[in-house]
Amino acid sequence: MACFLRQNRDLSIENGLRLIDCTLGPLLAFSGPVIIWPEIEFRKLTAAFVRCDKEAWQMSPNTSTALFTSPKDLGGLQKKMPRAIICSATWGHLTRCCQFDDGARQLAEITYKDALEQHGCLDMEDLQFEAEFLTWEQASQNSITFACHLTSTIGIRVSWDPFDPDWIASAANTDLAQVMIDTQHLICIQLNNEQKWAKVVGIREGGKLVKMQTEHGETFLMKTEGQDTTSGYLTLREAIQRTSPTLVRLSQLTEPNRVNGLEEKRQGKRKTGWSQAIYPL
């Protein structure tokens, strides 16, 4: 990319910057989260990004890098560097892995528990604090720890607990089905090649199956989780996610006016894992 920009000086600065924004960032965001980057190679990648920006601005290679990385209020261009790109892409990748109740979510949960146990943490917030003191190589051994390391080094914090029992993806089958029955929440289902609204009216086989009823009285059975390859229907968790993408907690159904985390904020303190505990000498 840098060579192309240098050889095509007739390209305007605006078009050169647009070319970079449409290629380098999306390409890294697409492949970055599934690649284990050695730190030295990632530094080379960052230098390559900066070099491309210099060529797009038609500046000398000796121009200070601080011009591109400094905040705008300090006179810099505040360009989005590879660390910020891969941080956002990695958290998005982890979110998609935990979205449905399948093998990807099970692997993510194992990885998450391993990270907490290895570093003596209670939750994601604890882990982000601890990951700040890890080297790049130490953090990259676990994808959850690496994501926390990226946020810590950038200077932000992510509030996320995908395996909380209150989350729809983590709730027991019977609990989820019963809440859907109690609240009569409608979900959109494709039935006989038509999009129809249906609700849960019964539980079968210990929550593995639920009985659904459409607005017109049609009934059918649907799996609660996993992958349904026989009936052609979505599973209950998938149908909820696709119908209401922002619906992630059971409390959003049972307590629609509840503000999550408000109780902990009022208490003014939280539990601490052994990684942050103070021990007498």
Protein backbone atom coordinates (compact mmCIF):
# COMPACT_ATOMS: atom_id res chain seq x y z
CA MET A 1 0.00 0.00 0.00
CA ALA A 2 2.79 2.44 0.90
CA CYS A 3 4.58 1.69 -2.38
CA PHE A 4 1.37 2.19 -4.36
CA LEU A 5 0.72 5.56 -2.75
CA ARG A 6 4.32 6.65 -3.32
CA GLN A 7 4.21 5.68 -7.00
CA ASN A 8 0.87 7.43 -7.53
CA ARG A 9 1.53 10.95 -6.33
CA ASP A 10 -1.17 12.21 -8.69
CA LEU A 11 -3.72 10.64 -6.33
CA SER A 12 -5.24 13.36 -4.14
CA ILE A 13 -4.67 13.31 -0.38
CA GLU A 14 -8.38 12.81 0.21
CA ASN A 15 -8.55 9.78 -2.08
CA GLY A 16 -5.37 8.34 -0.59
CA LEU A 17 -6.77 8.54 2.93
CA ARG A 18 -10.05 7.06 1.75
CA LEU A 19 -8.17 4.16 0.15
CA ILE A 20 -6.39 3.43 3.45
CA ASP A 21 -9.62 3.60 5.45
CA CYS A 22 -11.35 1.19 3.07
CA THR A 23 -8.57 -1.43 2.98
CA LEU A 24 -6.08 -1.61 5.85
CA GLY A 25 -8.47 -1.23 8.79
CA PRO A 26 -11.20 -3.63 7.55
CA LEU A 27 -8.61 -6.22 6.51
CA LEU A 28 -7.02 -6.22 9.96
CA ALA A 29 -10.41 -6.27 11.69
CA PHE A 30 -11.46 -9.28 9.59
CA SER A 31 -8.46 -11.51 10.27
CA GLY A 32 -6.84 -9.98 13.36
CA PRO A 33 -8.93 -11.58 16.16
CA VAL A 34 -8.12 -15.16 15.08
CA ILE A 35 -4.36 -14.63 14.65
CA ILE A 36 -1.82 -14.82 17.48
CA TRP A 37 0.37 -11.79 16.77
CA PRO A 38 3.96 -11.81 18.06
CA GLU A 39 4.66 -8.41 19.57
CA ILE A 40 7.56 -7.65 17.25
CA GLU A 41 5.42 -8.38 14.19
CA PHE A 42 2.60 -6.24 15.54
CA ARG A 43 5.03 -3.35 15.98
CA LYS A 44 6.07 -3.76 12.35
CA LEU A 45 2.40 -3.71 11.36
CA THR A 46 1.86 -0.49 13.32
CA ALA A 47 4.88 1.08 11.62
CA ALA A 48 3.49 0.02 8.23
CA PHE A 49 0.15 1.69 9.02
CA VAL A 50 1.91 4.93 9.95
CA ARG A 51 4.08 4.77 6.81
CA CYS A 52 0.94 4.43 4.66
CA ASP A 53 -0.58 7.47 6.36
CA LYS A 54 2.56 9.48 5.68
CA GLU A 55 2.50 8.51 2.02
CA ALA A 56 -1.20 9.36 1.75
CA TRP A 57 -0.48 12.80 3.20
CA GLN A 58 2.51 13.03 0.84
CA MET A 59 4.85 13.63 3.75
CA SER A 60 8.46 12.65 4.23
CA PRO A 61 9.10 9.23 5.86
CA ASN A 62 11.03 11.14 8.55
CA THR A 63 7.90 12.97 9.70
CA SER A 64 7.24 12.42 13.41
CA THR A 65 4.83 9.56 14.18
CA ALA A 66 3.40 11.58 17.06
CA LEU A 67 1.61 13.75 14.50
CA PHE A 68 -0.64 10.79 13.65
CA THR A 69 -1.06 9.24 17.10
CA SER A 70 -1.55 12.35 19.25
CA PRO A 71 -5.11 13.46 20.18
CA LYS A 72 -6.77 16.15 18.09
CA ASP A 73 -6.96 18.54 21.06
CA LEU A 74 -3.16 18.41 21.21
CA GLY A 75 -2.75 19.12 17.52
CA GLY A 76 -2.50 15.52 16.28
CA LEU A 77 -4.53 13.66 13.68
CA GLN A 78 -5.57 10.96 16.19
CA LYS A 79 -5.48 8.13 13.64
CA LYS A 80 -6.89 4.78 14.65
CA MET A 81 -3.87 2.55 15.11
CA PRO A 82 -3.80 -1.28 14.74
CA ARG A 83 -3.98 -1.79 18.52
CA ALA A 84 -7.33 0.01 18.69
CA ILE A 85 -8.60 -1.77 15.56
CA ILE A 86 -7.72 -5.24 16.80
CA CYS A 87 -9.07 -4.43 20.27
CA SER A 88 -12.51 -3.57 18.89
CA ALA A 89 -12.47 -6.54 16.51
CA THR A 90 -11.39 -8.99 19.24
CA TRP A 91 -14.22 -7.97 21.58
CA GLY A 92 -16.67 -8.21 18.69
CA HIS A 93 -15.35 -11.69 17.89
CA LEU A 94 -15.79 -12.81 21.51
CA THR A 95 -19.32 -11.38 21.58
CA ARG A 96 -20.29 -13.38 18.49
CA CYS A 97 -18.75 -16.54 19.99
CA CYS A 98 -20.98 -16.15 23.07
CA GLN A 99 -24.10 -15.12 21.15
CA PHE A 100 -25.72 -18.55 20.73
CA ASP A 101 -25.69 -21.71 22.80
CA ASP A 102 -23.35 -23.79 20.65
CA GLY A 103 -19.82 -25.17 20.60
CA ALA A 104 -18.24 -21.73 20.18
CA ARG A 105 -19.92 -20.51 23.36
CA GLN A 106 -18.82 -23.59 25.30
CA LEU A 107 -15.19 -23.08 24.22
CA ALA A 108 -15.42 -19.39 25.13
CA GLU A 109 -16.72 -20.25 28.59
CA ILE A 110 -13.86 -22.70 29.17
CA THR A 111 -11.37 -20.06 28.03
CA TYR A 112 -13.00 -17.45 30.27
CA LYS A 113 -12.89 -19.69 33.36
CA ASP A 114 -9.26 -20.63 32.66
CA ALA A 115 -8.32 -16.95 32.48
CA LEU A 116 -10.05 -16.12 35.76
CA GLU A 117 -8.52 -19.11 37.54
CA GLN A 118 -5.01 -18.50 36.21
CA HIS A 119 -4.93 -14.89 37.37
CA GLY A 120 -7.05 -15.20 40.53
CA CYS A 121 -9.87 -12.97 39.34
CA LEU A 122 -13.59 -12.98 40.05
CA ASP A 123 -14.92 -11.30 36.92
CA MET A 124 -14.02 -9.49 33.73
CA GLU A 125 -13.34 -6.20 35.50
CA ASP A 126 -10.90 -7.93 37.83
CA LEU A 127 -9.18 -9.59 34.88
CA GLN A 128 -8.74 -6.31 33.01
CA PHE A 129 -6.96 -4.84 36.03
CA GLU A 130 -4.62 -7.82 36.24
CA ALA A 131 -4.00 -8.00 32.47
CA GLU A 132 -2.55 -4.50 32.52
CA PHE A 133 0.59 -5.88 34.18
CA LEU A 134 1.08 -8.81 31.79
CA THR A 135 3.46 -8.79 28.84
CA TRP A 136 2.12 -9.14 25.31
CA GLU A 137 3.34 -12.76 25.10
CA GLN A 138 1.79 -13.71 28.46
CA ALA A 139 -1.57 -12.18 27.59
CA SER A 140 -1.73 -13.72 24.10
CA GLN A 141 -1.83 -17.26 25.54
CA ASN A 142 -5.56 -16.80 26.26
CA SER A 143 -7.94 -14.91 23.96
CA ILE A 144 -10.01 -13.49 26.85
CA THR A 145 -6.89 -12.33 28.69
CA PHE A 146 -5.52 -10.83 25.48
CA ALA A 147 -8.72 -8.83 24.92
CA CYS A 148 -8.49 -7.52 28.51
CA HIS A 149 -4.81 -6.68 28.00
CA LEU A 150 -5.67 -4.62 24.92
CA THR A 151 -8.34 -2.58 26.71
CA SER A 152 -6.06 -2.01 29.70
CA THR A 153 -3.14 -0.78 27.62
CA ILE A 154 -5.41 1.51 25.60
CA GLY A 155 -6.84 2.91 28.83
CA ILE A 156 -10.48 1.80 28.68
CA ARG A 157 -12.60 -0.69 30.60
CA VAL A 158 -15.23 -3.08 29.25
CA SER A 159 -18.21 -4.09 31.38
CA TRP A 160 -19.25 -7.53 30.10
CA ASP A 161 -20.28 -10.76 31.79
CA PRO A 162 -21.58 -13.14 29.08
CA PHE A 163 -21.91 -16.11 31.45
CA ASP A 164 -24.03 -14.41 34.12
CA PRO A 165 -27.04 -16.66 35.00
CA ASP A 166 -29.32 -13.70 34.29
CA TRP A 167 -28.26 -13.71 30.65
CA ILE A 168 -30.61 -15.49 28.27
CA ALA A 169 -27.71 -17.39 26.70
CA SER A 170 -26.68 -18.72 30.15
CA ALA A 171 -30.10 -19.36 31.72
CA ALA A 172 -31.30 -22.92 32.30
CA ASN A 173 -33.73 -24.22 29.67
CA THR A 174 -36.62 -24.52 32.11
CA ASP A 175 -36.01 -21.05 33.57
CA LEU A 176 -35.96 -19.45 30.12
CA ALA A 177 -39.06 -21.28 28.96
CA GLN A 178 -40.98 -20.42 32.16
CA VAL A 179 -40.10 -16.73 31.87
CA MET A 180 -41.30 -16.74 28.26
CA ILE A 181 -44.57 -18.34 29.38
CA ASP A 182 -45.07 -15.91 32.26
CA THR A 183 -44.35 -12.79 30.18
CA GLN A 184 -46.06 -14.01 26.97
CA HIS A 185 -43.25 -12.42 24.97
CA LEU A 186 -43.81 -12.82 21.22
CA ILE A 187 -41.07 -13.97 18.86
CA CYS A 188 -41.00 -14.01 15.07
CA ILE A 189 -40.88 -17.47 13.49
CA GLN A 190 -40.93 -18.67 9.89
CA LEU A 191 -43.73 -21.25 9.70
CA ASN A 192 -44.83 -22.78 6.39
CA ASN A 193 -42.77 -20.17 4.49
CA GLU A 194 -44.54 -17.34 6.31
CA GLN A 195 -43.29 -15.02 9.04
CA LYS A 196 -45.55 -15.40 12.07
CA TRP A 197 -45.58 -14.22 15.67
CA ALA A 198 -45.67 -16.94 18.31
CA LYS A 199 -45.39 -17.39 22.08
CA VAL A 200 -44.30 -20.20 24.40
CA VAL A 201 -47.25 -22.03 25.98
CA GLY A 202 -45.68 -25.23 27.32
CA ILE A 203 -42.49 -27.04 28.35
CA ARG A 204 -41.55 -30.55 27.21
CA GLU A 205 -38.76 -33.00 28.10
CA GLY A 206 -37.37 -30.98 30.99
CA GLY A 207 -37.03 -27.80 28.97
CA LYS A 208 -35.32 -29.30 25.91
CA LEU A 209 -38.45 -28.59 23.88
CA VAL A 210 -41.10 -25.88 24.15
CA LYS A 211 -44.60 -25.81 22.74
CA MET A 212 -45.23 -22.73 20.63
CA GLN A 213 -48.53 -21.17 19.61
CA THR A 214 -49.04 -18.57 16.88
CA GLU A 215 -51.48 -15.68 17.03
CA HIS A 216 -53.87 -17.76 14.92
CA GLY A 217 -53.77 -20.78 17.24
CA GLU A 218 -51.32 -22.99 15.31
CA THR A 219 -49.06 -25.06 17.59
CA PHE A 220 -45.68 -26.67 17.01
CA LEU A 221 -42.63 -27.80 19.00
CA MET A 222 -39.30 -25.97 19.05
CA LYS A 223 -35.91 -26.84 20.55
CA THR A 224 -34.70 -24.55 23.31
CA GLU A 225 -30.99 -24.64 22.46
CA GLY A 226 -28.39 -26.27 20.27
CA GLN A 227 -29.00 -26.67 16.55
CA ASP A 228 -32.27 -27.97 15.11
CA THR A 229 -31.54 -29.83 11.86
CA THR A 230 -34.81 -31.77 11.68
CA SER A 231 -37.75 -29.35 11.85
CA GLY A 232 -36.10 -26.41 10.10
CA TYR A 233 -37.12 -24.00 12.89
CA LEU A 234 -34.76 -21.78 14.81
CA THR A 235 -34.11 -22.73 18.41
CA LEU A 236 -35.82 -20.63 21.08
CA ARG A 237 -32.63 -18.77 22.04
CA GLU A 238 -31.83 -17.98 18.40
CA ALA A 239 -35.39 -16.80 17.74
CA ILE A 240 -35.26 -14.46 20.75
CA GLN A 241 -31.90 -13.05 19.62
CA ARG A 242 -33.07 -12.42 16.06
CA THR A 243 -36.44 -10.99 17.06
CA SER A 244 -35.08 -8.73 19.81
CA PRO A 245 -31.29 -8.23 19.40
CA THR A 246 -31.10 -5.97 22.48
CA LEU A 247 -32.84 -8.52 24.70
CA VAL A 248 -29.98 -10.27 26.49
CA ARG A 249 -31.09 -10.62 30.14
CA LEU A 250 -34.04 -12.42 31.72
CA SER A 251 -34.57 -9.39 33.93
CA GLN A 252 -35.35 -7.36 30.81
CA LEU A 253 -38.45 -9.54 30.49
CA THR A 254 -39.41 -9.84 34.14
CA GLU A 255 -38.35 -6.35 35.25
CA PRO A 256 -38.47 -4.09 32.17
CA ASN A 257 -37.84 -0.92 34.25
CA ARG A 258 -34.80 -2.29 36.08
CA VAL A 259 -31.43 -0.60 35.56
CA ASN A 260 -28.78 -3.34 35.67
CA GLY A 261 -25.85 -2.65 37.98
CA LEU A 262 -27.67 0.07 39.94
CA GLU A 263 -27.63 -1.96 43.17
CA GLU A 264 -23.85 -2.45 43.02
CA LYS A 265 -23.35 1.24 42.27
CA ARG A 266 -25.41 2.28 45.31
CA GLN A 267 -23.35 0.01 47.56
CA GLY A 268 -20.23 1.80 46.38
CA LYS A 269 -18.00 -1.26 46.44
CA ARG A 270 -17.53 -4.63 44.83
CA LYS A 271 -15.91 -7.98 45.59
CA THR A 272 -12.22 -8.34 44.90
CA GLY A 273 -10.27 -11.37 43.69
CA TRP A 274 -6.98 -12.42 45.25
CA SER A 275 -5.05 -10.66 42.48
CA GLN A 276 -6.12 -7.28 43.96
CA ALA A 277 -6.42 -8.28 47.61
CA ILE A 278 -4.09 -6.76 50.24
CA TYR A 279 -2.12 -9.32 52.22
CA PRO A 280 -0.29 -8.55 55.48
CA LEU A 281 3.45 -9.21 55.35
